[in-house]
C-alpha atoms as a PDB file:
ATOM      1  CA  MET A   1      20.176  -4.240  -5.589  1.00  0.00           C
ATOM      2  CA  GLN A   2      18.248  -1.103  -6.540  1.00  0.00           C
ATOM      3  CA  SER A   3      14.633  -0.446  -7.321  1.00  0.00           C
ATOM      4  CA  ARG A   4      13.885   0.076 -10.995  1.00  0.00           C
ATOM      5  CA  LEU A   5      11.437   2.941 -10.329  1.00  0.00           C
ATOM      6  CA  ARG A   6      13.053   5.810  -8.427  1.00  0.00           C
ATOM      7  CA  VAL A   7      12.587   9.510  -7.714  1.00  0.00           C
ATOM      8  CA  GLN A   8      15.892  11.282  -7.047  1.00  0.00           C
ATOM      9  CA  GLY A   9      17.525   8.009  -6.088  1.00  0.00           C
ATOM     10  CA  HIS A  10      14.750   6.857  -3.739  1.00  0.00           C
ATOM     11  CA  PRO A  11      12.508   3.867  -4.584  1.00  0.00           C
ATOM     12  CA  ILE A  12       8.903   4.764  -5.464  1.00  0.00           C
ATOM     13  CA  GLN A  13       7.024   1.767  -4.039  1.00  0.00           C
ATOM     14  CA  PRO A  14       7.830   2.472  -0.368  1.00  0.00           C
ATOM     15  CA  MET A  15       6.491   5.976  -0.937  1.00  0.00           C
ATOM     16  CA  LEU A  16       3.347   4.718  -2.647  1.00  0.00           C
ATOM     17  CA  VAL A  17       2.581   2.033  -0.055  1.00  0.00           C
ATOM     18  CA  THR A  18       1.860   4.669   2.583  1.00  0.00           C
ATOM     19  CA  PHE A  19      -1.151   6.001   0.672  1.00  0.00           C
ATOM     20  CA  PRO A  20      -3.312   2.856   0.596  1.00  0.00           C
ATOM     21  CA  LEU A  21      -2.323   1.949   4.160  1.00  0.00           C
ATOM     22  CA  GLY A  22      -3.196   5.394   5.474  1.00  0.00           C
ATOM     23  CA  LEU A  23      -6.448   5.502   3.520  1.00  0.00           C
ATOM     24  CA  PHE A  24      -7.449   1.994   4.676  1.00  0.00           C
ATOM     25  CA  VAL A  25      -6.832   3.000   8.294  1.00  0.00           C
ATOM     26  CA  SER A  26      -8.830   6.214   7.785  1.00  0.00           C
ATOM     27  CA  ALA A  27     -11.711   4.312   6.185  1.00  0.00           C
ATOM     28  CA  THR A  28     -11.795   1.922   9.136  1.00  0.00           C
ATOM     29  CA  VAL A  29     -11.824   4.806  11.628  1.00  0.00           C
ATOM     30  CA  PHE A  30     -14.702   6.484   9.768  1.00  0.00           C
ATOM     31  CA  ASP A  31     -16.635   3.207   9.636  1.00  0.00           C
ATOM     32  CA  LEU A  32     -15.994   2.437  13.294  1.00  0.00           C
ATOM     33  CA  THR A  33     -17.253   5.889  14.231  1.00  0.00           C
ATOM     34  CA  ASP A  34     -20.349   5.322  12.089  1.00  0.00           C
ATOM     35  CA  VAL A  35     -21.068   1.972  13.731  1.00  0.00           C
ATOM     36  CA  LEU A  36     -20.542   3.385  17.234  1.00  0.00           C
ATOM     37  CA  GLY A  37     -23.243   6.019  16.675  1.00  0.00           C
ATOM     38  CA  GLY A  38     -21.470   8.873  14.944  1.00  0.00           C
ATOM     39  CA  PRO A  39     -23.080  10.964  12.216  1.00  0.00           C
ATOM     40  CA  ALA A  40     -24.473   8.879   9.362  1.00  0.00           C
ATOM     41  CA  PHE A  41     -22.390  10.631   6.700  1.00  0.00           C
ATOM     42  CA  LEU A  42     -19.206   9.135   8.189  1.00  0.00           C
ATOM     43  CA  GLY A  43     -20.184   5.734   6.785  1.00  0.00           C
ATOM     44  CA  GLU A  44     -20.280   7.176   3.287  1.00  0.00           C
ATOM     45  CA  VAL A  45     -17.000   9.021   3.873  1.00  0.00           C
ATOM     46  CA  GLY A  46     -15.495   5.689   4.976  1.00  0.00           C
ATOM     47  CA  TYR A  47     -16.792   4.024   1.821  1.00  0.00           C
ATOM     48  CA  TRP A  48     -15.274   6.625  -0.513  1.00  0.00           C
ATOM     49  CA  THR A  49     -12.028   6.641   1.456  1.00  0.00           C
ATOM     50  CA  GLY A  50     -11.883   2.869   0.927  1.00  0.00           C
ATOM     51  CA  VAL A  51     -12.448   3.346  -2.804  1.00  0.00           C
ATOM     52  CA  ALA A  52      -9.594   5.880  -2.934  1.00  0.00           C
ATOM     53  CA  ALA A  53      -7.408   3.409  -1.029  1.00  0.00           C
ATOM     54  CA  LEU A  54      -8.166   0.704  -3.597  1.00  0.00           C
ATOM     55  CA  VAL A  55      -7.047   3.006  -6.421  1.00  0.00           C
ATOM     56  CA  ALA A  56      -3.843   3.785  -4.518  1.00  0.00           C
ATOM     57  CA  ALA A  57      -3.327   0.062  -3.843  1.00  0.00           C
ATOM     58  CA  ALA A  58      -3.622  -0.675  -7.562  1.00  0.00           C
ATOM     59  CA  LEU A  59      -0.925   1.912  -8.360  1.00  0.00           C
ATOM     60  CA  ASN A  60       1.251   0.456  -5.616  1.00  0.00           C
ATOM     61  CA  ALA A  61       0.772  -3.041  -7.025  1.00  0.00           C
ATOM     62  CA  VAL A  62       1.978  -1.897 -10.454  1.00  0.00           C
ATOM     63  CA  ALA A  63       5.126  -0.378  -8.914  1.00  0.00           C
ATOM     64  CA  GLY A  64       5.642  -3.582  -6.915  1.00  0.00           C
ATOM     65  CA  MET A  65       5.382  -5.759 -10.014  1.00  0.00           C
ATOM     66  CA  VAL A  66       7.904  -3.605 -11.890  1.00  0.00           C
ATOM     67  CA  ASP A  67      10.355  -3.899  -8.993  1.00  0.00           C
ATOM     68  CA  LEU A  68       9.737  -7.640  -8.704  1.00  0.00           C
ATOM     69  CA  TRP A  69      11.165  -8.282 -12.180  1.00  0.00           C
ATOM     70  CA  ASP A  70      14.720  -7.636 -11.020  1.00  0.00           C
ATOM     71  CA  VAL A  71      14.670  -9.206  -7.574  1.00  0.00           C
ATOM     72  CA  PRO A  72      17.143 -12.114  -7.492  1.00  0.00           C
ATOM     73  CA  GLY A  73      15.723 -15.591  -6.931  1.00  0.00           C
ATOM     74  CA  ASP A  74      16.743 -15.930  -3.292  1.00  0.00           C
ATOM     75  CA  HIS A  75      15.261 -15.086   0.100  1.00  0.00           C
ATOM     76  CA  THR A  76      14.722 -11.471  -1.012  1.00  0.00           C
ATOM     77  CA  ARG A  77      12.486 -12.594  -3.890  1.00  0.00           C
ATOM     78  CA  ARG A  78      10.393 -14.779  -1.574  1.00  0.00           C
ATOM     79  CA  THR A  79      10.001 -11.842   0.807  1.00  0.00           C
ATOM     80  CA  ALA A  80       9.025  -9.517  -2.067  1.00  0.00           C
ATOM     81  CA  ILE A  81       6.441 -11.988  -3.356  1.00  0.00           C
ATOM     82  CA  ALA A  82       5.030 -12.474   0.152  1.00  0.00           C
ATOM     83  CA  PHE A  83       4.897  -8.686   0.614  1.00  0.00           C
ATOM     84  CA  ASN A  84       2.935  -8.229  -2.617  1.00  0.00           C
ATOM     85  CA  LEU A  85       0.597 -11.133  -1.836  1.00  0.00           C
ATOM     86  CA  VAL A  86      -0.142  -9.862   1.671  1.00  0.00           C
ATOM     87  CA  ASN A  87      -0.931  -6.400   0.321  1.00  0.00           C
ATOM     88  CA  THR A  88      -3.151  -7.969  -2.337  1.00  0.00           C
ATOM     89  CA  VAL A  89      -5.072  -9.946   0.296  1.00  0.00           C
ATOM     90  CA  MET A  90      -5.586  -6.787   2.358  1.00  0.00           C
ATOM     91  CA  ALA A  91      -6.826  -4.879  -0.705  1.00  0.00           C
ATOM     92  CA  ALA A  92      -9.100  -7.776  -1.684  1.00  0.00           C
ATOM     93  CA  MET A  93     -10.724  -7.742   1.758  1.00  0.00           C
ATOM     94  CA  PHE A  94     -11.385  -4.004   1.453  1.00  0.00           C
ATOM     95  CA  LEU A  95     -12.658  -4.523  -2.099  1.00  0.00           C
ATOM     96  CA  LEU A  96     -15.124  -7.065  -0.740  1.00  0.00           C
ATOM     97  CA  THR A  97     -16.421  -4.582   1.837  1.00  0.00           C
ATOM     98  CA  CYS A  98     -16.715  -1.858  -0.798  1.00  0.00           C
ATOM     99  CA  LEU A  99     -18.623  -4.166  -3.152  1.00  0.00           C
ATOM    100  CA  ILE A 100     -21.048  -5.134  -0.387  1.00  0.00           C
ATOM    101  CA  ARG A 101     -21.578  -1.504   0.568  1.00  0.00           C
ATOM    102  CA  SER A 102     -22.041  -0.324  -3.011  1.00  0.00           C
ATOM    103  CA  GLN A 103     -25.419  -2.099  -3.064  1.00  0.00           C
ATOM    104  CA  SER A 104     -26.911   0.027  -0.274  1.00  0.00           C
ATOM    105  CA  PRO A 105     -28.079   3.593  -0.918  1.00  0.00           C
ATOM    106  CA  GLN A 106     -26.381   5.155   2.156  1.00  0.00           C
ATOM    107  CA  ARG A 107     -23.219   3.020   1.927  1.00  0.00           C
ATOM    108  CA  GLY A 108     -23.094   2.892   5.712  1.00  0.00           C
ATOM    109  CA  ALA A 109     -20.936   0.470   7.656  1.00  0.00           C
ATOM    110  CA  SER A 110     -22.031  -2.469   9.773  1.00  0.00           C
ATOM    111  CA  ALA A 111     -20.301  -4.337  12.570  1.00  0.00           C
ATOM    112  CA  ALA A 112     -19.384  -7.179  10.185  1.00  0.00           C
ATOM    113  CA  ILE A 113     -17.787  -4.724   7.760  1.00  0.00           C
ATOM    114  CA  VAL A 114     -15.756  -3.073  10.524  1.00  0.00           C
ATOM    115  CA  ILE A 115     -14.569  -6.485  11.756  1.00  0.00           C
ATOM    116  CA  THR A 116     -13.548  -7.422   8.210  1.00  0.00           C
ATOM    117  CA  GLU A 117     -11.671  -4.140   7.878  1.00  0.00           C
ATOM    118  CA  LEU A 118      -9.884  -4.680  11.194  1.00  0.00           C
ATOM    119  CA  VAL A 119      -8.796  -8.149  10.065  1.00  0.00           C
ATOM    120  CA  ALA A 120      -7.609  -6.651   6.776  1.00  0.00           C
ATOM    121  CA  LEU A 121      -5.561  -4.077   8.702  1.00  0.00           C
ATOM    122  CA  ALA A 122      -4.013  -6.885  10.758  1.00  0.00           C
ATOM    123  CA  VAL A 123      -3.022  -8.569   7.487  1.00  0.00           C
ATOM    124  CA  GLY A 124      -1.627  -5.195   6.376  1.00  0.00           C
ATOM    125  CA  GLY A 125       0.479  -5.119   9.546  1.00  0.00           C
ATOM    126  CA  VAL A 126       2.212  -8.276   8.330  1.00  0.00           C
ATOM    127  CA  GLY A 127       2.805  -6.457   5.033  1.00  0.00           C
ATOM    128  CA  VAL A 128       4.394  -3.537   6.885  1.00  0.00           C
ATOM    129  CA  HIS A 129       6.767  -5.954   8.612  1.00  0.00           C
ATOM    130  CA  LEU A 130       7.698  -7.593   5.302  1.00  0.00           C
ATOM    131  CA  GLY A 131       8.127  -4.190   3.648  1.00  0.00           C
ATOM    132  CA  ALA A 132      10.509  -3.049   6.370  1.00  0.00           C
ATOM    133  CA  ARG A 133      12.556  -6.203   5.850  1.00  0.00           C
ATOM    134  CA  LEU A 134      12.665  -5.548   2.110  1.00  0.00           C
ATOM    135  CA  MET A 135      13.790  -1.960   2.572  1.00  0.00           C
ATOM    136  CA  ARG A 136      16.814  -3.138   4.524  1.00  0.00           C
ATOM    137  CA  GLN A 137      17.782  -5.396   1.592  1.00  0.00           C
ATOM    138  CA  PHE A 138      16.380  -3.656  -1.482  1.00  0.00           C
ATOM    139  CA  ASP A 139      18.049  -0.295  -2.132  1.00  0.00           C
ATOM    140  CA  THR A 140      21.727  -0.253  -1.224  1.00  0.00           C
ATOM    141  CA  GLY A 141      23.280   1.796  -4.029  1.00  0.00           C
ATOM    142  CA  ARG A 142      21.499   5.157  -3.934  1.00  0.00           C
ATOM    143  CA  ALA A 143      23.224   8.486  -3.369  1.00  0.00           C
ATOM    144  CA  GLU A 144      23.358   9.770   0.178  1.00  0.00           C
ATOM    145  CA  ALA A 145      20.400  12.051   0.973  1.00  0.00           C
ATOM    146  CA  GLY A 146      21.287  15.723   1.239  1.00  0.00           C
ATOM    147  CA  THR A 147      24.281  15.618  -1.121  1.00  0.00           C
ATOM    148  CA  LEU A 148      24.489  17.279  -4.491  1.00  0.00           C
ATOM    149  CA  ASP A 149      24.819  13.821  -6.081  1.00  0.00           C
ATOM    150  CA  SER A 150      21.237  13.042  -5.064  1.00  0.00           C
ATOM    151  CA  LEU A 151      20.001  16.074  -7.058  1.00  0.00           C
ATOM    152  CA  ALA A 152      21.913  15.325 -10.257  1.00  0.00           C
ATOM    153  CA  GLY A 153      20.193  13.870 -13.275  1.00  0.00           C
ATOM    154  CA  SER A 154      16.510  13.569 -14.016  1.00  0.00           C
ATOM    155  CA  THR A 155      13.910  13.754 -11.290  1.00  0.00           C
ATOM    156  CA  ILE A 156      12.235  10.456 -12.150  1.00  0.00           C
ATOM    157  CA  GLU A 157      14.347   7.539 -13.258  1.00  0.00           C
ATOM    158  CA  ILE A 158      13.513   4.154 -14.694  1.00  0.00           C
ATOM    159  CA  VAL A 159      16.785   2.286 -14.809  1.00  0.00           C
ATOM    160  CA  ARG A 160      18.131  -1.206 -15.082  1.00  0.00           C
ATOM    161  CA  PRO A 161      19.516  -2.080 -11.614  1.00  0.00           C
ATOM    162  CA  ARG A 162      23.137  -3.046 -11.227  1.00  0.00           C
ATOM    163  CA  PRO A 163      23.668  -6.731 -10.405  1.00  0.00           C
END
């Protein structure tokens, strides 16, 4: 089975998923530093990093939904649905912290917000595990990296996967 959205034969969603995860981790590090007595501006940097992560998570969710259309109704589909739900729960927890912080003028972090973000990252860890499992099953028919076949055709493809 192949991903519907690809760039030069490689699925897009695994590439996109790194952005929200990395930004969520960065936001948590900024907020933790703010709570532990770092400069006050780090709380606001953490807030805006979280907002950027939510935008990236929304783009990732769209790519995940497009790929989900063609996943067969077996164990792979259940894993794909669980992967998308886990990532949605993680994003929802960060959305909650961003909404709470948007009401304060400095948008600084608190201990409760950092704890919520750490729990959300733990949930995201489950998503990473599920995503790794999907990658082993999801894209078996792409051209071998480094060959001229991988460079042929258009750069971005939206194709109907082979059964």
